[in-house]
Protein backbone atom coordinates (compact mmCIF):
# COMPACT_ATOMS: atom_id res chain seq x y z
CA MET A 1 93.37 34.30 69.58
CA ARG A 2 95.98 32.63 67.67
CA VAL A 3 98.83 34.20 66.23
CA LYS A 4 99.09 33.21 62.43
CA GLU A 5 102.60 33.42 60.04
CA ILE A 6 101.36 35.17 57.10
CA ALA A 7 104.93 35.61 55.48
CA ALA A 8 108.30 34.62 56.59
CA GLY A 9 108.84 36.45 60.02
CA VAL A 10 105.63 38.35 59.70
CA PHE A 11 102.87 36.95 62.34
CA TYR A 12 99.44 38.54 62.26
CA LEU A 13 97.26 38.89 65.57
CA PRO A 14 93.66 40.21 64.97
CA LEU A 15 92.18 42.09 67.86
CA ARG A 16 88.66 43.66 68.82
CA ILE A 17 88.87 46.25 65.94
CA ALA A 18 92.28 46.53 64.45
CA ASN A 19 95.09 44.10 63.60
CA VAL A 20 98.72 44.18 64.82
CA TYR A 21 101.97 42.46 63.39
CA PHE A 22 104.96 40.91 64.81
CA VAL A 23 107.79 41.22 62.24
CA GLY A 24 110.91 39.10 63.02
CA GLU A 25 112.01 35.42 62.73
CA ARG A 26 111.54 33.44 66.10
CA GLY A 27 114.64 33.17 68.08
CA GLY A 28 115.83 36.74 66.53
CA THR A 29 115.27 40.20 66.93
CA TRP A 30 111.52 41.46 66.32
CA ALA A 31 109.43 44.70 66.10
CA LEU A 32 105.73 45.36 66.77
CA VAL A 33 103.84 47.17 64.04
CA ASP A 34 100.76 48.94 65.69
CA THR A 35 99.27 48.26 69.00
CA GLY A 36 95.40 48.09 68.86
CA MET A 37 92.89 49.57 71.31
CA PRO A 38 93.68 50.88 75.03
CA GLY A 39 93.26 47.51 77.03
CA ASP A 40 94.80 45.32 74.30
CA GLY A 41 98.33 45.46 75.92
CA SER A 42 98.06 42.27 77.40
CA LYS A 43 96.66 40.16 74.61
CA ILE A 44 99.70 41.84 72.48
CA ARG A 45 102.11 40.64 75.19
CA GLU A 46 100.95 36.98 75.61
CA ALA A 47 100.80 36.61 71.64
CA ALA A 48 104.44 38.01 71.28
CA GLU A 49 105.46 35.69 74.29
CA SER A 50 103.90 32.86 72.46
CA VAL A 51 106.15 33.33 69.08
CA TYR A 52 109.38 34.94 70.85
CA GLY A 53 109.34 33.58 74.30
CA ILE A 54 109.00 35.20 77.67
CA GLY A 55 111.31 38.17 78.49
CA VAL A 56 112.18 38.85 74.64
CA PRO A 57 111.03 42.64 74.30
CA PRO A 58 110.89 44.06 70.61
CA SER A 59 113.55 46.32 69.09
CA ALA A 60 110.80 49.00 68.85
CA ILE A 61 107.07 49.72 68.36
CA TYR A 62 106.28 51.10 64.96
CA LEU A 63 102.87 52.75 64.20
CA THR A 64 101.09 52.89 60.57
CA HIS A 65 99.39 56.13 62.30
CA GLY A 66 98.07 57.08 65.57
CA HIS A 67 94.27 56.58 65.41
CA THR A 68 93.03 55.19 68.56
CA ASP A 69 92.42 51.71 67.27
CA HIS A 70 96.06 51.47 66.05
CA SER A 71 97.91 53.51 68.94
CA GLY A 72 95.97 52.72 71.95
CA SER A 73 98.24 50.43 73.90
CA ALA A 74 101.26 51.83 72.49
CA LEU A 75 102.59 53.58 75.81
CA GLU A 76 101.46 50.74 78.04
CA LEU A 77 103.54 48.24 75.81
CA ALA A 78 106.53 50.73 75.47
CA SER A 79 106.74 51.30 79.05
CA LEU A 80 106.55 47.42 79.93
CA TRP A 81 109.20 46.65 77.21
CA GLY A 82 111.55 49.84 77.63
CA VAL A 83 111.45 50.63 74.05
CA GLN A 84 110.79 53.71 71.61
CA ILE A 85 107.67 54.17 69.54
CA PHE A 86 108.29 55.56 66.04
CA ALA A 87 105.95 57.05 63.83
CA HIS A 88 106.09 59.83 60.63
CA ALA A 89 106.80 63.30 61.58
CA LEU A 90 103.31 64.44 60.49
CA GLU A 91 101.93 62.18 62.78
CA ILE A 92 103.79 63.31 65.68
CA PRO A 93 101.28 66.30 66.86
CA TYR A 94 98.21 63.80 67.17
CA LEU A 95 100.46 61.35 69.19
CA THR A 96 101.57 64.09 71.82
CA GLY A 97 98.41 65.58 72.73
CA LYS A 98 99.39 68.62 70.48
CA SER A 99 96.40 68.36 68.11
CA GLY A 100 93.51 66.26 67.58
CA TYR A 101 92.62 64.64 64.20
CA PRO A 102 90.51 66.38 61.83
CA PRO A 103 86.90 65.61 63.21
CA LEU A 104 85.26 62.12 62.37
CA ASP A 105 82.68 62.64 59.44
CA SER A 106 79.58 61.23 60.52
CA THR A 107 77.51 62.44 57.35
CA VAL A 108 79.83 60.46 55.12
CA GLY A 109 77.15 57.46 55.04
CA GLY A 110 78.04 53.79 56.01
CA PHE A 111 78.16 51.82 58.93
CA LEU A 112 81.04 53.47 60.66
CA GLY A 113 79.88 56.78 59.65
CA LEU A 114 76.67 55.81 61.39
CA LEU A 115 78.54 54.34 64.56
CA ASN A 116 80.75 57.45 64.90
CA ARG A 117 78.10 59.59 65.93
CA PHE A 118 78.27 58.05 69.07
CA PHE A 119 82.19 57.34 69.43
CA GLN A 120 84.89 60.14 69.32
CA PRO A 121 88.37 59.32 69.96
CA ALA A 122 90.23 60.93 72.77
CA LEU A 123 93.39 62.86 72.44
CA VAL A 124 96.55 60.37 72.30
CA ASP A 125 99.25 61.48 74.51
CA LEU A 126 102.43 59.00 74.13
CA GLN A 127 104.65 61.41 75.98
CA ASN A 128 108.35 61.07 75.60
CA SER A 129 108.27 57.71 74.19
CA VAL A 130 107.23 58.30 70.29
CA ARG A 131 110.10 59.40 67.97
CA THR A 132 110.20 60.37 64.26
CA LEU A 133 110.76 57.55 61.77
CA PRO A 134 114.45 57.67 60.24
CA SER A 135 114.64 60.01 57.11
CA GLY A 136 114.93 58.23 53.85
CA SER A 137 112.64 54.94 53.30
CA GLY A 138 114.70 52.51 55.44
CA ALA A 139 112.42 51.62 58.53
CA GLY A 140 115.77 51.57 61.22
CA GLY A 141 115.00 48.25 63.26
CA LEU A 142 112.94 46.70 60.78
CA ALA A 143 115.86 45.21 58.75
CA GLY A 144 114.89 44.47 54.99
CA TRP A 145 111.86 46.73 55.27
CA GLU A 146 111.15 50.23 53.99
CA TRP A 147 108.49 52.47 55.13
CA VAL A 148 106.11 54.46 52.35
CA HIS A 149 104.57 57.73 53.34
CA THR A 150 100.66 57.24 52.39
CA PRO A 151 98.50 60.02 53.73
CA GLY A 152 94.71 60.51 53.34
CA HIS A 153 93.78 58.65 56.09
CA SER A 154 95.87 60.48 58.40
CA PRO A 155 98.64 62.96 57.55
CA GLY A 156 101.61 60.85 58.57
CA HIS A 157 100.28 57.62 57.66
CA VAL A 158 102.87 55.12 56.44
CA ALA A 159 102.84 51.59 55.13
CA PHE A 160 105.72 49.17 55.47
CA PHE A 161 106.99 47.02 52.40
CA ARG A 162 109.31 44.11 52.17
CA LYS A 163 110.67 43.90 48.53
CA GLN A 164 112.36 40.57 49.21
CA ASP A 165 108.85 38.69 49.15
CA TRP A 166 106.63 41.60 48.43
CA THR A 167 104.94 41.87 51.61
CA LEU A 168 102.94 45.12 52.50
CA LEU A 169 101.74 46.05 56.10
CA ALA A 170 99.30 48.74 54.92
CA GLY A 171 97.77 49.96 57.89
CA ASP A 172 94.48 51.74 56.81
CA ALA A 173 95.67 53.08 53.58
CA VAL A 174 93.62 50.25 52.02
CA THR A 175 91.57 47.40 54.07
CA THR A 176 90.58 43.91 53.15
CA MET A 177 87.29 44.30 54.58
CA ASN A 178 84.69 46.75 53.76
CA LEU A 179 84.09 48.78 56.96
CA ASP A 180 81.23 51.02 55.42
CA SER A 181 79.01 47.89 55.24
CA PHE A 182 77.65 46.39 58.24
CA LEU A 183 77.31 42.70 56.94
CA ALA A 184 80.66 42.85 55.30
CA THR A 185 82.19 43.78 58.73
CA VAL A 186 80.24 41.35 60.72
CA SER A 187 81.35 38.65 58.22
CA LYS A 188 84.86 39.74 57.66
CA MET A 189 84.42 39.03 53.87
CA LYS A 190 87.65 39.48 52.29
CA ARG A 191 87.86 42.12 49.55
CA VAL A 192 90.42 44.93 48.89
CA CYS A 193 88.76 48.15 49.98
CA GLY A 194 89.81 51.92 50.47
CA PRO A 195 90.47 53.53 53.68
CA PRO A 196 87.57 53.88 56.38
CA SER A 197 85.50 56.58 55.06
CA SER A 198 84.54 58.37 58.08
CA SER A 199 88.04 58.89 59.27
CA THR A 200 89.51 59.88 56.12
CA TYR A 201 90.09 63.51 55.74
CA ASP A 202 91.67 63.82 52.21
CA TRP A 203 90.26 61.67 49.38
CA THR A 204 92.92 63.04 46.79
CA GLN A 205 95.82 61.92 48.80
CA ALA A 206 93.98 58.73 49.87
CA ALA A 207 93.58 57.81 46.10
CA GLU A 208 97.17 58.76 45.21
CA SER A 209 98.37 56.51 48.45
CA VAL A 210 96.50 53.46 47.20
CA ARG A 211 98.02 53.93 43.49
CA LYS A 212 101.26 54.08 45.25
CA LEU A 213 100.65 50.93 47.04
CA ALA A 214 99.53 49.08 44.18
CA GLU A 215 102.73 50.06 41.87
CA LEU A 216 104.52 48.00 44.62
CA ARG A 217 102.63 44.89 43.46
CA PRO A 218 102.46 43.26 46.86
CA VAL A 219 102.13 39.43 46.93
CA THR A 220 101.08 39.16 50.41
CA LEU A 221 98.64 42.08 51.68
CA ALA A 222 98.18 42.71 55.50
CA CYS A 223 95.93 45.72 56.68
CA GLY A 224 94.81 47.13 59.73
CA HIS A 225 91.35 45.67 59.28
CA GLY A 226 90.43 42.43 57.63
CA THR A 227 92.07 39.25 57.11
CA PRO A 228 95.50 39.35 55.42
CA MET A 229 95.42 38.17 51.73
CA SER A 230 98.02 36.54 49.11
CA GLY A 231 98.27 35.89 45.74
CA GLY A 232 96.55 36.72 42.64
CA ASP A 233 93.45 38.04 44.10
CA ALA A 234 95.42 40.45 46.28
CA VAL A 235 97.42 41.76 43.32
CA MET A 236 94.20 42.35 41.26
CA GLN A 237 91.93 43.66 43.50
CA LEU A 238 94.51 46.29 44.75
CA GLY A 239 95.13 46.89 41.20
CA GLU A 240 91.56 47.62 40.53
CA LEU A 241 91.20 49.73 43.31
CA ALA A 242 93.95 51.98 42.42
CA SER A 243 92.46 52.36 38.93
CA HIS A 244 89.00 53.30 40.62
CA LEU A 245 88.79 54.30 44.30
CA PRO A 246 84.95 54.65 44.96
CA LEU A 247 84.37 57.98 46.69
CA PRO A 248 81.65 59.00 49.20
CA GLN A 249 78.89 60.58 47.18
CA ARG A 250 78.52 63.40 50.39
CA GLY A 251 80.51 64.18 53.36
CA ARG A 252 82.57 66.84 55.24
CA TYR A 253 85.74 66.01 52.97
CA THR A 254 84.55 64.75 49.87
CA SER A 255 85.23 67.88 47.83
CA THR A 256 87.44 69.96 50.27
CA PRO A 257 89.91 68.20 52.55
CA ALA A 258 91.32 69.34 55.80
CA VAL A 259 94.40 71.28 55.73
CA THR A 260 97.15 70.20 58.13
CA ASP A 261 100.77 70.79 58.86
CA GLU A 262 103.83 69.62 61.34
CA ASN A 263 101.64 71.10 64.18
CA GLY A 264 98.29 69.62 63.33
CA ILE A 265 95.00 71.25 61.78
CA VAL A 266 95.61 74.32 59.97
CA SER A 267 91.98 74.66 58.44
CA LEU A 268 88.72 72.55 58.31
CA PRO A 269 85.83 72.72 55.69
CA PRO A 270 82.51 73.82 57.12
CA LYS A 271 80.73 70.90 59.31
CA PRO A 272 77.65 69.94 56.77
CA GLU A 273 74.23 69.37 58.49
CA ASP A 274 73.52 65.86 59.52
CA PRO A 275 70.19 64.76 57.47
CA VAL A 276 69.41 61.73 59.91
CA PRO A 277 70.73 62.70 63.43
CA GLY A 278 67.26 61.53 65.07
CA ALA A 279 67.13 58.25 63.18
CA ALA A 280 70.84 57.44 63.58
CA LEU A 281 70.37 57.20 67.18
CA GLY A 282 68.13 54.29 66.95
CA LEU A 283 69.65 52.66 64.34
CA GLY A 284 73.29 53.38 65.93
CA ILE A 285 71.92 51.42 69.09
CA ILE A 286 70.23 48.53 67.11
CA ALA A 287 73.49 48.09 64.64
CA THR A 288 75.59 48.10 67.70
CA GLY A 289 73.96 45.66 69.61
CA ALA A 290 73.54 43.43 66.54
CA LEU A 291 77.03 43.71 65.62
CA VAL A 292 78.32 42.65 69.28
CA ALA A 293 75.79 39.79 69.26
CA LEU A 294 76.90 38.62 65.71
CA ALA A 295 80.62 39.17 66.48
CA ALA A 296 80.33 37.05 69.69
CA TRP A 297 78.17 34.11 67.86
CA HIS A 298 81.27 34.27 65.04
CA ARG A 299 83.77 33.66 67.87
CA LYS A 300 81.90 30.97 69.45
CA LYS A 301 81.02 28.92 66.34
CA LYS A 302 84.90 29.52 65.42
CA ALA A 303 86.01 28.42 68.68
CA THR A 304 83.64 25.36 68.60
CA GLY A 305 84.97 24.39 65.01
CA ALA A 306 88.28 24.46 66.14
CA ALA A 307 87.81 22.28 69.31
CA THR A 308 86.24 19.84 67.12
CA ALA A 309 89.02 19.84 64.36
CA ASP A 310 91.41 19.16 67.33
CA THR A 311 89.56 16.29 69.01
CA PRO A 312 91.01 12.89 67.77
CA ALA A 313 88.99 10.66 65.72
CA GLN A 314 87.65 7.86 67.78
CA ALA A 315 88.31 3.98 66.42
CA SER A 316 85.24 2.31 65.22
């Protein structure tokens, strides 16, 4: 996978499920934002070396939040590079094995809701490698950046914003693809959307976080899922989403959120009855197989196109 520079000194790497970002000019200090799934460490290391050179570690690793698709390779990379991992204080219980996140909500509907009937995340334990983000809005080793607390998808979710050129690393507070739609997920169709429904535990906070990010008026919007967007479309679509975030019609957390504190989960709303558990099994297997096949086809087509474009034209 090719690393692409989406803003000055901001490089984007799409992985199996989520995106990671390298922040820092070539030849200077840099930091890693998010770390993909377990097993993505070698791809991230190779991509970092292609930008910054071999043997040049980051100053630190920053996590927008601790869900497995964003923190999965954090401990591996922190150990490899000998650096610290930073996250919001309210995210620490979920990154040290002290608490699990509020359970995924498979009854909320949508594509991920279907898949989450079969995939429950394991506890994350980053041991002694994780530290709390510095107080205030400064992002420590990310010079020129500030962090913004954007809870709702997770208690200690943060986004990173650079006012100099209005670049926003939004994590999962917003996305640039509709993860609740199978077709949109497979095609990676660009669209500013809300956080993944099945793993969002407080919709009131989530809506307020979207409004908070829209007020920043980012020109470049880079999220945990989907292809980064820049320009008028990104600004307009984020503003529209902030004015009306579509809420799920059903689900465990739709009307009553999970309650959390600095130690983890305090209370959960009752688990609703799943109306389609039997049908979901068959549909989930079919959908998962189709997703894998279509994703492989999409990658093959893209690689073939890139190879064709790189082939010199023959003289006639």
